Structure formats: C-alpha cells, structure tokens
PDB file of N, CA and C in Angstrom:
ATOM      1  N   MET A   1      38.519 -27.020  27.558  1.00  0.00           N
ATOM      2  CA  MET A   1      38.177 -25.587  27.093  1.00  0.00           C
ATOM      3  C   MET A   1      38.155 -25.751  25.626  1.00  0.00           C
ATOM      4  N   ARG A   2      38.824 -26.647  25.140  1.00  0.00           N
ATOM      5  CA  ARG A   2      38.984 -26.557  23.539  1.00  0.00           C
ATOM      6  C   ARG A   2      37.576 -27.177  22.921  1.00  0.00           C
ATOM      7  N   ASN A   3      36.940 -28.568  23.729  1.00  0.00           N
ATOM      8  CA  ASN A   3      35.926 -29.198  23.229  1.00  0.00           C
ATOM      9  C   ASN A   3      34.848 -27.785  23.257  1.00  0.00           C
ATOM     10  N   ILE A   4      34.906 -27.344  24.387  1.00  0.00           N
ATOM     11  CA  ILE A   4      33.826 -26.180  24.552  1.00  0.00           C
ATOM     12  C   ILE A   4      33.601 -25.128  23.249  1.00  0.00           C
ATOM     13  N   ALA A   5      34.955 -24.635  23.177  1.00  0.00           N
ATOM     14  CA  ALA A   5      34.971 -23.691  21.899  1.00  0.00           C
ATOM     15  C   ALA A   5      34.614 -24.266  20.678  1.00  0.00           C
ATOM     16  N   SER A   6      35.061 -25.489  20.337  1.00  0.00           N
ATOM     17  CA  SER A   6      34.447 -26.165  19.263  1.00  0.00           C
ATOM     18  C   SER A   6      33.035 -26.284  19.108  1.00  0.00           C
ATOM     19  N   LYS A   7      32.363 -26.942  19.968  1.00  0.00           N
ATOM     20  CA  LYS A   7      30.932 -26.695  20.133  1.00  0.00           C
ATOM     21  C   LYS A   7      30.332 -25.726  19.875  1.00  0.00           C
ATOM     22  N   PHE A   8      30.917 -24.258  20.248  1.00  0.00           N
ATOM     23  CA  PHE A   8      30.054 -23.443  20.203  1.00  0.00           C
ATOM     24  C   PHE A   8      30.466 -22.723  18.980  1.00  0.00           C
ATOM     25  N   LEU A   9      31.429 -23.329  18.262  1.00  0.00           N
ATOM     26  CA  LEU A   9      31.609 -22.618  17.025  1.00  0.00           C
ATOM     27  C   LEU A   9      30.829 -23.256  16.037  1.00  0.00           C
ATOM     28  N   ALA A  10      30.723 -24.850  16.267  1.00  0.00           N
ATOM     29  CA  ALA A  10      29.573 -25.443  15.588  1.00  0.00           C
ATOM     30  C   ALA A  10      28.013 -25.232  15.442  1.00  0.00           C
ATOM     31  N   THR A  11      27.659 -24.726  16.751  1.00  0.00           N
ATOM     32  CA  THR A  11      26.199 -24.066  16.842  1.00  0.00           C
ATOM     33  C   THR A  11      26.111 -22.815  16.429  1.00  0.00           C
ATOM     34  N   ALA A  12      27.368 -22.005  16.532  1.00  0.00           N
ATOM     35  CA  ALA A  12      27.164 -20.845  15.932  1.00  0.00           C
ATOM     36  C   ALA A  12      27.109 -20.711  14.260  1.00  0.00           C
ATOM     37  N   ALA A  13      27.930 -21.649  13.735  1.00  0.00           N
ATOM     38  CA  ALA A  13      27.874 -21.921  12.425  1.00  0.00           C
ATOM     39  C   ALA A  13      26.560 -22.368  11.669  1.00  0.00           C
ATOM     40  N   LEU A  14      25.930 -23.155  12.607  1.00  0.00           N
ATOM     41  CA  LEU A  14      24.540 -23.948  12.256  1.00  0.00           C
ATOM     42  C   LEU A  14      23.480 -22.740  12.311  1.00  0.00           C
ATOM     43  N   GLY A  15      23.485 -21.995  13.319  1.00  0.00           N
ATOM     44  CA  GLY A  15      22.517 -21.007  13.447  1.00  0.00           C
ATOM     45  C   GLY A  15      22.562 -20.077  12.399  1.00  0.00           C
ATOM     46  N   THR A  16      23.766 -19.536  12.086  1.00  0.00           N
ATOM     47  CA  THR A  16      24.105 -18.632  11.097  1.00  0.00           C
ATOM     48  C   THR A  16      23.433 -19.122   9.600  1.00  0.00           C
ATOM     49  N   ALA A  17      23.910 -20.198   9.576  1.00  0.00           N
ATOM     50  CA  ALA A  17      23.373 -21.373   8.166  1.00  0.00           C
ATOM     51  C   ALA A  17      21.904 -21.102   8.101  1.00  0.00           C
ATOM     52  N   ALA A  18      21.294 -21.360   9.268  1.00  0.00           N
ATOM     53  CA  ALA A  18      19.620 -21.364   9.289  1.00  0.00           C
ATOM     54  C   ALA A  18      19.178 -20.356   8.821  1.00  0.00           C
ATOM     55  N   VAL A  19      19.791 -18.977   9.411  1.00  0.00           N
ATOM     56  CA  VAL A  19      19.027 -17.667   9.469  1.00  0.00           C
ATOM     57  C   VAL A  19      19.127 -17.116   8.079  1.00  0.00           C
ATOM     58  N   ALA A  20      20.823 -17.356   7.383  1.00  0.00           N
ATOM     59  CA  ALA A  20      21.004 -17.021   6.514  1.00  0.00           C
ATOM     60  C   ALA A  20      19.719 -17.711   5.056  1.00  0.00           C
ATOM     61  N   GLY A  21      19.678 -19.053   5.557  1.00  0.00           N
ATOM     62  CA  GLY A  21      19.091 -19.857   4.557  1.00  0.00           C
ATOM     63  C   GLY A  21      17.576 -19.155   4.427  1.00  0.00           C
ATOM     64  N   THR A  22      17.286 -18.334   5.244  1.00  0.00           N
ATOM     65  CA  THR A  22      15.652 -17.794   5.328  1.00  0.00           C
ATOM     66  C   THR A  22      15.603 -16.781   4.116  1.00  0.00           C
ATOM     67  N   GLY A  23      16.797 -16.099   3.477  1.00  0.00           N
ATOM     68  CA  GLY A  23      16.818 -15.328   2.555  1.00  0.00           C
ATOM     69  C   GLY A  23      16.184 -13.884   3.125  1.00  0.00           C
ATOM     70  N   CYS A  24      16.053 -13.459   4.280  1.00  0.00           N
ATOM     71  CA  CYS A  24      15.840 -12.465   5.009  1.00  0.00           C
ATOM     72  C   CYS A  24      14.129 -12.260   4.711  1.00  0.00           C
ATOM     73  N   TYR A  25      13.355 -13.282   4.622  1.00  0.00           N
ATOM     74  CA  TYR A  25      11.932 -13.172   4.001  1.00  0.00           C
ATOM     75  C   TYR A  25      11.105 -14.583   4.007  1.00  0.00           C
ATOM     76  N   ALA A  26      10.372 -14.284   5.190  1.00  0.00           N
ATOM     77  CA  ALA A  26       9.562 -15.528   5.256  1.00  0.00           C
ATOM     78  C   ALA A  26       8.471 -16.019   4.321  1.00  0.00           C
ATOM     79  N   GLY A  27       8.086 -15.274   3.869  1.00  0.00           N
ATOM     80  CA  GLY A  27       6.757 -15.377   2.727  1.00  0.00           C
ATOM     81  C   GLY A  27       5.491 -14.817   3.371  1.00  0.00           C
ATOM     82  N   SER A  28       4.298 -14.834   2.871  1.00  0.00           N
ATOM     83  CA  SER A  28       3.232 -14.060   3.430  1.00  0.00           C
ATOM     84  C   SER A  28       1.899 -15.123   3.378  1.00  0.00           C
ATOM     85  N   GLY A  29       2.096 -16.243   2.421  1.00  0.00           N
ATOM     86  CA  GLY A  29       0.774 -16.817   2.223  1.00  0.00           C
ATOM     87  C   GLY A  29       0.816 -18.117   2.480  1.00  0.00           C
ATOM     88  N   VAL A  30      -0.154 -18.908   3.058  1.00  0.00           N
ATOM     89  CA  VAL A  30      -0.037 -20.402   3.133  1.00  0.00           C
ATOM     90  C   VAL A  30      -0.325 -21.003   1.508  1.00  0.00           C
ATOM     91  N   GLY A  31       0.703 -22.009   1.474  1.00  0.00           N
ATOM     92  CA  GLY A  31       0.754 -22.742   0.217  1.00  0.00           C
ATOM     93  C   GLY A  31       1.215 -22.003  -0.788  1.00  0.00           C
ATOM     94  N   VAL A  32       1.952 -20.794  -0.899  1.00  0.00           N
ATOM     95  CA  VAL A  32       2.579 -20.066  -1.771  1.00  0.00           C
ATOM     96  C   VAL A  32       4.204 -20.324  -1.903  1.00  0.00           C
ATOM     97  N   ALA A  33       4.207 -20.454  -3.012  1.00  0.00           N
ATOM     98  CA  ALA A  33       5.819 -20.891  -3.631  1.00  0.00           C
ATOM     99  C   ALA A  33       6.561 -19.852  -3.676  1.00  0.00           C
ATOM    100  N   TYR A  34       7.427 -19.499  -2.941  1.00  0.00           N
ATOM    101  CA  TYR A  34       8.288 -18.391  -3.362  1.00  0.00           C
ATOM    102  C   TYR A  34      10.076 -18.775  -3.265  1.00  0.00           C
ATOM    103  N   ALA A  35      10.702 -18.283  -3.992  1.00  0.00           N
ATOM    104  CA  ALA A  35      11.986 -18.583  -3.953  1.00  0.00           C
ATOM    105  C   ALA A  35      12.794 -17.391  -3.287  1.00  0.00           C
ATOM    106  N   PRO A  36      13.186 -17.495  -1.712  1.00  0.00           N
ATOM    107  CA  PRO A  36      14.048 -16.557  -1.475  1.00  0.00           C
ATOM    108  C   PRO A  36      15.467 -16.616  -1.846  1.00  0.00           C
ATOM    109  N   GLY A  37      16.110 -15.617  -2.378  1.00  0.00           N
ATOM    110  CA  GLY A  37      17.706 -15.834  -2.715  1.00  0.00           C
ATOM    111  C   GLY A  37      18.667 -14.974  -1.369  1.00  0.00           C
ATOM    112  N   PHE A  38      19.359 -15.627  -1.322  1.00  0.00           N
ATOM    113  CA  PHE A  38      19.988 -14.903   0.143  1.00  0.00           C
ATOM    114  C   PHE A  38      21.011 -13.385  -0.394  1.00  0.00           C
ATOM    115  N   LEU A  39      21.613 -13.472  -1.803  1.00  0.00           N
ATOM    116  CA  LEU A  39      22.205 -12.385  -1.930  1.00  0.00           C
ATOM    117  C   LEU A  39      21.130 -11.322  -2.747  1.00  0.00           C
ATOM    118  N   TYR A  40      20.322 -11.635  -3.639  1.00  0.00           N
ATOM    119  CA  TYR A  40      19.410 -10.876  -4.360  1.00  0.00           C
ATOM    120  C   TYR A  40      18.137 -11.917  -4.924  1.00  0.00           C
ATOM    121  N   SER A  41      17.261 -11.004  -4.097  1.00  0.00           N
ATOM    122  CA  SER A  41      15.862 -11.530  -4.720  1.00  0.00           C
ATOM    123  C   SER A  41      15.133 -10.432  -5.642  1.00  0.00           C
ATOM    124  N   ASP A  42      14.115 -10.726  -6.716  1.00  0.00           N
ATOM    125  CA  ASP A  42      13.491 -10.034  -7.577  1.00  0.00           C
ATOM    126  C   ASP A  42      12.519 -10.886  -8.144  1.00  0.00           C
ATOM    127  N   TYR A  43      11.308 -11.128  -7.537  1.00  0.00           N
ATOM    128  CA  TYR A  43      10.315 -11.999  -7.901  1.00  0.00           C
ATOM    129  C   TYR A  43       8.836 -11.346  -7.579  1.00  0.00           C
ATOM    130  N   THR A  44       7.912 -11.832  -8.539  1.00  0.00           N
ATOM    131  CA  THR A  44       6.384 -11.915  -8.151  1.00  0.00           C
ATOM    132  C   THR A  44       5.914 -13.099  -8.094  1.00  0.00           C
ATOM    133  N   TYR A  45       4.511 -12.946  -7.328  1.00  0.00           N
ATOM    134  CA  TYR A  45       4.048 -14.355  -6.762  1.00  0.00           C
ATOM    135  C   TYR A  45       2.459 -14.052  -6.830  1.00  0.00           C
ATOM    136  N   PRO A  46       1.650 -14.604  -7.196  1.00  0.00           N
ATOM    137  CA  PRO A  46       0.193 -14.359  -7.374  1.00  0.00           C
ATOM    138  C   PRO A  46      -0.457 -14.552  -5.685  1.00  0.00           C
ATOM    139  N   ALA A  47      -1.415 -13.899  -5.551  1.00  0.00           N
ATOM    140  CA  ALA A  47      -1.739 -14.004  -3.998  1.00  0.00           C
ATOM    141  C   ALA A  47      -3.235 -14.460  -4.047  1.00  0.00           C
ATOM    142  N   TYR A  48      -4.209 -13.732  -5.159  1.00  0.00           N
ATOM    143  CA  TYR A  48      -5.042 -13.752  -5.298  1.00  0.00           C
ATOM    144  C   TYR A  48      -5.906 -13.573  -6.648  1.00  0.00           C
ATOM    145  N   ALA A  49      -6.528 -14.389  -7.145  1.00  0.00           N
ATOM    146  CA  ALA A  49      -7.424 -13.958  -8.391  1.00  0.00           C
ATOM    147  C   ALA A  49      -8.755 -14.538  -8.115  1.00  0.00           C
ATOM    148  N   ASN A  50      -9.809 -13.429  -8.562  1.00  0.00           N
ATOM    149  CA  ASN A  50     -11.256 -13.703  -8.831  1.00  0.00           C
ATOM    150  C   ASN A  50     -11.572 -15.332  -9.463  1.00  0.00           C
ATOM    151  N   GLY A  51     -12.729 -15.513  -9.433  1.00  0.00           N
ATOM    152  CA  GLY A  51     -13.082 -16.888  -9.815  1.00  0.00           C
ATOM    153  C   GLY A  51     -13.071 -16.947 -11.409  1.00  0.00           C
ATOM    154  N   GLY A  52     -12.990 -16.116 -11.893  1.00  0.00           N
ATOM    155  CA  GLY A  52     -12.884 -16.071 -13.648  1.00  0.00           C
ATOM    156  C   GLY A  52     -11.448 -15.813 -13.613  1.00  0.00           C
ATOM    157  N   GLY A  53     -10.550 -15.267 -12.842  1.00  0.00           N
ATOM    158  CA  GLY A  53      -9.246 -15.095 -13.236  1.00  0.00           C
ATOM    159  C   GLY A  53      -8.995 -14.050 -14.160  1.00  0.00           C
ATOM    160  N   THR A  54      -9.731 -13.331 -14.408  1.00  0.00           N
ATOM    161  CA  THR A  54      -9.621 -12.025 -15.350  1.00  0.00           C
ATOM    162  C   THR A  54      -8.602 -11.036 -14.722  1.00  0.00           C
ATOM    163  N   VAL A  55      -7.735 -10.198 -15.449  1.00  0.00           N
ATOM    164  CA  VAL A  55      -6.974  -9.440 -15.209  1.00  0.00           C
ATOM    165  C   VAL A  55      -7.693  -8.054 -15.332  1.00  0.00           C
ATOM    166  N   GLY A  56      -7.838  -7.184 -14.274  1.00  0.00           N
ATOM    167  CA  GLY A  56      -8.741  -5.962 -14.572  1.00  0.00           C
ATOM    168  C   GLY A  56      -7.632  -4.985 -15.622  1.00  0.00           C
ATOM    169  N   THR A  57      -8.473  -3.743 -16.136  1.00  0.00           N
ATOM    170  CA  THR A  57      -7.652  -2.806 -16.720  1.00  0.00           C
ATOM    171  C   THR A  57      -7.019  -1.804 -16.006  1.00  0.00           C
ATOM    172  N   LYS A  58      -7.196  -1.920 -15.092  1.00  0.00           N
ATOM    173  CA  LYS A  58      -6.610  -0.754 -14.109  1.00  0.00           C
ATOM    174  C   LYS A  58      -5.651  -1.505 -13.329  1.00  0.00           C
ATOM    175  N   SER A  59      -4.539  -0.745 -12.710  1.00  0.00           N
ATOM    176  CA  SER A  59      -3.574  -1.835 -11.505  1.00  0.00           C
ATOM    177  C   SER A  59      -3.145  -0.398 -10.697  1.00  0.00           C
ATOM    178  N   GLY A  60      -3.067  -0.928  -9.500  1.00  0.00           N
ATOM    179  CA  GLY A  60      -2.624  -0.029  -8.438  1.00  0.00           C
ATOM    180  C   GLY A  60      -1.427  -0.788  -7.671  1.00  0.00           C
ATOM    181  N   GLU A  61      -0.319   0.258  -7.121  1.00  0.00           N
ATOM    182  CA  GLU A  61       0.581  -1.197  -5.929  1.00  0.00           C
ATOM    183  C   GLU A  61       0.545   0.083  -4.962  1.00  0.00           C
ATOM    184  N   ALA A  62       0.905  -1.085  -3.635  1.00  0.00           N
ATOM    185  CA  ALA A  62       1.511  -0.459  -2.532  1.00  0.00           C
ATOM    186  C   ALA A  62       2.625  -0.823  -1.864  1.00  0.00           C
ATOM    187  N   MET A  63       3.475  -0.290  -1.390  1.00  0.00           N
ATOM    188  CA  MET A  63       4.623  -0.720  -0.947  1.00  0.00           C
ATOM    189  C   MET A  63       5.008  -0.714   0.591  1.00  0.00           C
ATOM    190  N   ILE A  64       5.618  -1.664   1.037  1.00  0.00           N
ATOM    191  CA  ILE A  64       6.805  -1.413   2.562  1.00  0.00           C
ATOM    192  C   ILE A  64       8.176  -1.687   1.991  1.00  0.00           C
ATOM    193  N   THR A  65       8.922  -0.984   3.048  1.00  0.00           N
ATOM    194  CA  THR A  65      10.332  -1.091   3.048  1.00  0.00           C
ATOM    195  C   THR A  65      10.750  -1.233   4.073  1.00  0.00           C
ATOM    196  N   SER A  66      11.964  -1.897   4.091  1.00  0.00           N
ATOM    197  CA  SER A  66      12.432  -2.685   5.152  1.00  0.00           C
ATOM    198  C   SER A  66      14.267  -2.183   4.934  1.00  0.00           C
ATOM    199  N   ILE A  67      14.900  -1.491   5.934  1.00  0.00           N
ATOM    200  CA  ILE A  67      16.274  -1.285   5.880  1.00  0.00           C
ATOM    201  C   ILE A  67      17.166  -2.059   6.988  1.00  0.00           C
ATOM    202  N   LEU A  68      17.641  -3.071   6.793  1.00  0.00           N
ATOM    203  CA  LEU A  68      18.727  -4.050   7.432  1.00  0.00           C
ATOM    204  C   LEU A  68      17.760  -4.932   8.412  1.00  0.00           C
ATOM    205  N   GLY A  69      16.719  -5.320   8.039  1.00  0.00           N
ATOM    206  CA  GLY A  69      15.737  -5.897   8.708  1.00  0.00           C
ATOM    207  C   GLY A  69      15.300  -5.399  10.061  1.00  0.00           C
ATOM    208  N   LEU A  70      15.710  -4.138  10.217  1.00  0.00           N
ATOM    209  CA  LEU A  70      15.595  -3.286  11.788  1.00  0.00           C
ATOM    210  C   LEU A  70      14.148  -2.751  11.825  1.00  0.00           C
ATOM    211  N   VAL A  71      14.222  -1.949  10.487  1.00  0.00           N
ATOM    212  CA  VAL A  71      13.039  -0.563  10.376  1.00  0.00           C
ATOM    213  C   VAL A  71      12.341  -0.982   9.329  1.00  0.00           C
ATOM    214  N   ALA A  72      11.112  -1.008   9.282  1.00  0.00           N
ATOM    215  CA  ALA A  72      10.100  -1.466   7.985  1.00  0.00           C
ATOM    216  C   ALA A  72       9.266  -0.303   8.020  1.00  0.00           C
ATOM    217  N   THR A  73       8.884   0.241   7.157  1.00  0.00           N
ATOM    218  CA  THR A  73       7.631   1.310   7.103  1.00  0.00           C
ATOM    219  C   THR A  73       6.991   1.027   5.820  1.00  0.00           C
ATOM    220  N   GLY A  74       5.774   1.491   5.829  1.00  0.00           N
ATOM    221  CA  GLY A  74       4.931   1.954   4.649  1.00  0.00           C
ATOM    222  C   GLY A  74       3.745   1.085   5.029  1.00  0.00           C
ATOM    223  N   ASP A  75       2.833   1.003   3.706  1.00  0.00           N
ATOM    224  CA  ASP A  75       1.396   0.341   3.792  1.00  0.00           C
ATOM    225  C   ASP A  75       1.137  -0.545   2.523  1.00  0.00           C
ATOM    226  N   ALA A  76       1.457  -2.019   2.579  1.00  0.00           N
ATOM    227  CA  ALA A  76       1.271  -2.514   1.573  1.00  0.00           C
ATOM    228  C   ALA A  76       0.054  -3.375   1.261  1.00  0.00           C
ATOM    229  N   SER A  77      -1.251  -2.832   2.087  1.00  0.00           N
ATOM    230  CA  SER A  77      -2.439  -3.245   2.018  1.00  0.00           C
ATOM    231  C   SER A  77      -3.010  -3.299   0.784  1.00  0.00           C
ATOM    232  N   ILE A  78      -4.120  -4.194   0.603  1.00  0.00           N
ATOM    233  CA  ILE A  78      -4.815  -4.190  -0.833  1.00  0.00           C
ATOM    234  C   ILE A  78      -5.555  -3.097  -1.098  1.00  0.00           C
ATOM    235  N   ARG A  79      -6.301  -2.763   0.238  1.00  0.00           N
ATOM    236  CA  ARG A  79      -6.961  -1.239  -0.012  1.00  0.00           C
ATOM    237  C   ARG A  79      -6.259  -0.255  -0.353  1.00  0.00           C
ATOM    238  N   THR A  80      -5.089  -0.043   0.252  1.00  0.00           N
ATOM    239  CA  THR A  80      -4.148   0.968  -0.378  1.00  0.00           C
ATOM    240  C   THR A  80      -3.789   0.921  -1.883  1.00  0.00           C
ATOM    241  N   ALA A  81      -3.695  -0.281  -2.563  1.00  0.00           N
ATOM    242  CA  ALA A  81      -3.181  -0.455  -3.581  1.00  0.00           C
ATOM    243  C   ALA A  81      -4.245  -0.112  -4.429  1.00  0.00           C
ATOM    244  N   ALA A  82      -5.312  -0.631  -4.406  1.00  0.00           N
ATOM    245  CA  ALA A  82      -6.624  -0.189  -5.064  1.00  0.00           C
ATOM    246  C   ALA A  82      -7.149   1.155  -4.988  1.00  0.00           C
ATOM    247  N   SER A  83      -6.826   1.661  -3.860  1.00  0.00           N
ATOM    248  CA  SER A  83      -7.028   3.127  -3.699  1.00  0.00           C
ATOM    249  C   SER A  83      -6.072   3.879  -5.059  1.00  0.00           C
ATOM    250  N   ASN A  84      -4.496   3.371  -4.679  1.00  0.00           N
ATOM    251  CA  ASN A  84      -3.712   4.390  -5.342  1.00  0.00           C
ATOM    252  C   ASN A  84      -3.963   4.123  -7.018  1.00  0.00           C
ATOM    253  N   GLY A  85      -4.899   2.836  -7.500  1.00  0.00           N
ATOM    254  CA  GLY A  85      -5.287   2.477  -9.023  1.00  0.00           C
ATOM    255  C   GLY A  85      -6.338   2.908  -9.415  1.00  0.00           C
ATOM    256  N   GLY A  86      -7.153   3.551  -8.360  1.00  0.00           N
ATOM    257  CA  GLY A  86      -8.353   4.188  -8.725  1.00  0.00           C
ATOM    258  C   GLY A  86      -9.132   2.933  -8.726  1.00  0.00           C
ATOM    259  N   ILE A  87      -9.205   1.440  -8.197  1.00  0.00           N
ATOM    260  CA  ILE A  87     -10.010   0.558  -8.243  1.00  0.00           C
ATOM    261  C   ILE A  87     -11.248   0.091  -7.308  1.00  0.00           C
ATOM    262  N   SER A  88     -12.153   0.115  -7.510  1.00  0.00           N
ATOM    263  CA  SER A  88     -13.293  -0.524  -6.863  1.00  0.00           C
ATOM    264  C   SER A  88     -13.414  -1.833  -6.836  1.00  0.00           C
ATOM    265  N   GLU A  89     -13.130  -2.734  -7.707  1.00  0.00           N
ATOM    266  CA  GLU A  89     -13.431  -3.928  -7.505  1.00  0.00           C
ATOM    267  C   GLU A  89     -12.106  -4.771  -8.103  1.00  0.00           C
ATOM    268  N   VAL A  90     -11.352  -5.045  -7.135  1.00  0.00           N
ATOM    269  CA  VAL A  90     -10.437  -5.854  -7.070  1.00  0.00           C
ATOM    270  C   VAL A  90     -10.486  -7.093  -7.757  1.00  0.00           C
ATOM    271  N   MET A  91      -9.748  -7.407  -8.810  1.00  0.00           N
ATOM    272  CA  MET A  91     -10.054  -8.727  -9.440  1.00  0.00           C
ATOM    273  C   MET A  91      -8.640  -9.781  -9.560  1.00  0.00           C
ATOM    274  N   THR A  92      -7.717  -9.341  -9.075  1.00  0.00           N
ATOM    275  CA  THR A  92      -6.222 -10.160  -8.935  1.00  0.00           C
ATOM    276  C   THR A  92      -5.364  -9.475  -8.013  1.00  0.00           C
ATOM    277  N   VAL A  93      -4.540  -9.980  -6.976  1.00  0.00           N
ATOM    278  CA  VAL A  93      -3.502  -9.420  -6.348  1.00  0.00           C
ATOM    279  C   VAL A  93      -2.081 -10.411  -6.381  1.00  0.00           C
ATOM    280  N   ASP A  94      -1.098  -9.347  -6.614  1.00  0.00           N
ATOM    281  CA  ASP A  94       0.136 -10.237  -6.643  1.00  0.00           C
ATOM    282  C   ASP A  94       0.839  -9.522  -5.672  1.00  0.00           C
ATOM    283  N   THR A  95       2.409 -10.231  -5.207  1.00  0.00           N
ATOM    284  CA  THR A  95       3.142  -9.584  -4.243  1.00  0.00           C
ATOM    285  C   THR A  95       4.470  -9.869  -5.167  1.00  0.00           C
ATOM    286  N   LYS A  96       5.044  -8.560  -5.267  1.00  0.00           N
ATOM    287  CA  LYS A  96       6.604  -8.250  -5.526  1.00  0.00           C
ATOM    288  C   LYS A  96       7.397  -8.386  -4.543  1.00  0.00           C
ATOM    289  N   VAL A  97       8.484  -9.027  -4.577  1.00  0.00           N
ATOM    290  CA  VAL A  97       9.557  -9.105  -3.468  1.00  0.00           C
ATOM    291  C   VAL A  97      10.995  -8.713  -4.098  1.00  0.00           C
ATOM    292  N   THR A  98      11.607  -7.702  -3.563  1.00  0.00           N
ATOM    293  CA  THR A  98      12.845  -7.379  -3.753  1.00  0.00           C
ATOM    294  C   THR A  98      13.934  -7.183  -2.627  1.00  0.00           C
ATOM    295  N   ASN A  99      14.678  -7.996  -2.693  1.00  0.00           N
ATOM    296  CA  ASN A  99      15.958  -8.268  -1.252  1.00  0.00           C
ATOM    297  C   ASN A  99      17.235  -8.029  -1.956  1.00  0.00           C
ATOM    298  N   ILE A 100      17.783  -7.000  -1.093  1.00  0.00           N
ATOM    299  CA  ILE A 100      19.362  -7.081  -1.562  1.00  0.00           C
ATOM    300  C   ILE A 100      20.116  -7.213  -0.449  1.00  0.00           C
ATOM    301  N   LEU A 101      20.568  -8.579  -0.205  1.00  0.00           N
ATOM    302  CA  LEU A 101      21.160  -8.618   0.947  1.00  0.00           C
ATOM    303  C   LEU A 101      20.966  -8.609   2.358  1.00  0.00           C
ATOM    304  N   GLY A 102      19.634  -8.633   2.593  1.00  0.00           N
ATOM    305  CA  GLY A 102      18.993  -8.095   3.268  1.00  0.00           C
ATOM    306  C   GLY A 102      19.093  -6.926   4.148  1.00  0.00           C
ATOM    307  N   ILE A 103      19.953  -6.042   3.262  1.00  0.00           N
ATOM    308  CA  ILE A 103      19.890  -4.891   3.521  1.00  0.00           C
ATOM    309  C   ILE A 103      18.969  -3.782   3.386  1.00  0.00           C
ATOM    310  N   TYR A 104      18.358  -4.214   1.833  1.00  0.00           N
ATOM    311  CA  TYR A 104      17.467  -3.376   1.540  1.00  0.00           C
ATOM    312  C   TYR A 104      16.311  -4.215   1.095  1.00  0.00           C
ATOM    313  N   SER A 105      14.995  -4.288   1.373  1.00  0.00           N
ATOM    314  CA  SER A 105      13.792  -5.089   0.780  1.00  0.00           C
ATOM    315  C   SER A 105      12.737  -4.038   0.812  1.00  0.00           C
ATOM    316  N   THR A 106      11.713  -4.688  -0.395  1.00  0.00           N
ATOM    317  CA  THR A 106      10.655  -4.195  -0.363  1.00  0.00           C
ATOM    318  C   THR A 106       9.739  -5.266  -0.641  1.00  0.00           C
ATOM    319  N   VAL A 107       8.422  -5.015  -0.128  1.00  0.00           N
ATOM    320  CA  VAL A 107       7.356  -5.944  -0.352  1.00  0.00           C
ATOM    321  C   VAL A 107       6.156  -4.953  -1.266  1.00  0.00           C
ATOM    322  N   THR A 108       5.837  -5.336  -2.614  1.00  0.00           N
ATOM    323  CA  THR A 108       5.041  -4.476  -2.785  1.00  0.00           C
ATOM    324  C   THR A 108       3.688  -5.503  -3.419  1.00  0.00           C
ATOM    325  N   THR A 109       2.453  -4.697  -3.132  1.00  0.00           N
ATOM    326  CA  THR A 109       1.420  -5.084  -3.289  1.00  0.00           C
ATOM    327  C   THR A 109       0.630  -4.967  -4.615  1.00  0.00           C
ATOM    328  N   VAL A 110       0.426  -5.581  -5.541  1.00  0.00           N
ATOM    329  CA  VAL A 110      -0.046  -5.061  -7.085  1.00  0.00           C
ATOM    330  C   VAL A 110      -1.283  -5.625  -7.237  1.00  0.00           C
ATOM    331  N   VAL A 111      -2.438  -4.893  -7.307  1.00  0.00           N
ATOM    332  CA  VAL A 111      -3.765  -5.487  -7.558  1.00  0.00           C
ATOM    333  C   VAL A 111      -4.171  -4.701  -9.087  1.00  0.00           C
ATOM    334  N   SER A 112      -4.985  -5.385  -9.743  1.00  0.00           N
ATOM    335  CA  SER A 112      -5.906  -5.188 -10.891  1.00  0.00           C
ATOM    336  C   SER A 112      -7.187  -4.958 -10.784  1.00  0.00           C
ATOM    337  N   GLY A 113      -7.749  -4.720 -11.258  1.00  0.00           N
ATOM    338  CA  GLY A 113      -9.401  -4.426 -11.302  1.00  0.00           C
ATOM    339  C   GLY A 113      -9.997  -3.221 -12.205  1.00  0.00           C
ATOM    340  N   GLU A 114     -11.060  -3.188 -11.874  1.00  0.00           N
ATOM    341  CA  GLU A 114     -12.157  -2.124 -12.270  1.00  0.00           C
ATOM    342  C   GLU A 114     -12.509  -1.021 -11.659  1.00  0.00           C
TER     343      GLU A 114
END
C-alpha cells in the first residue's frame, strides 16, 4: 500500500509541475517566442507586420479576459481591433498578454494602420 501511495504522489507531483510550467497560456502562433511566467506575465510579442514593416499612425485594441481559466469572454480579433481604432488598412499586429497566477488573464490584440 505504501508503494502505491508513493507512486501516486510522484505522478501527481509531475503532473502538477507540467501544468504549472505552462504558465496557463499556451501561446497563439507558430514560431512565436513567448515567455510565460507562472506567478505573473505582462509582455507583448509581434504577430504580423506588412512587407515594409511600417507602423501605422492609428492604433486599435481588442481584448479577451479569462477568470480562473474557467470562463473566458471577449473578442480579440484583428477585425474588432481595427474597427476600434478606425483602421481600414492594417499594417502591424501585436499580441499583449497579462496573467496573474492564472486567476486573471487577458490577451489583447493591438493593431496599427491607416
């Protein structure tokens, strides 16, 4: 019985470490470097830039929010962010991530353009 309990605890510890190591955020792009923090994250990474790499004079944002990783709401689409900024030609797209202990997190799409 003692051996079974030891194996169970070891498996539970490994599972917990694996889940905790994800930072409660898996990322959204192929080849995108991000650095999730277990306790706190607040960073921005590029998602798209047009061929010239020019940043537009207008910007707009759209956000989704997650509570406890159980409920997530919002619209972080590029279309909504562009509409919120009055942008008809998108030039760059960045993604801003905030996470506090996996309790409260947001993902914001930030677009620039004209």
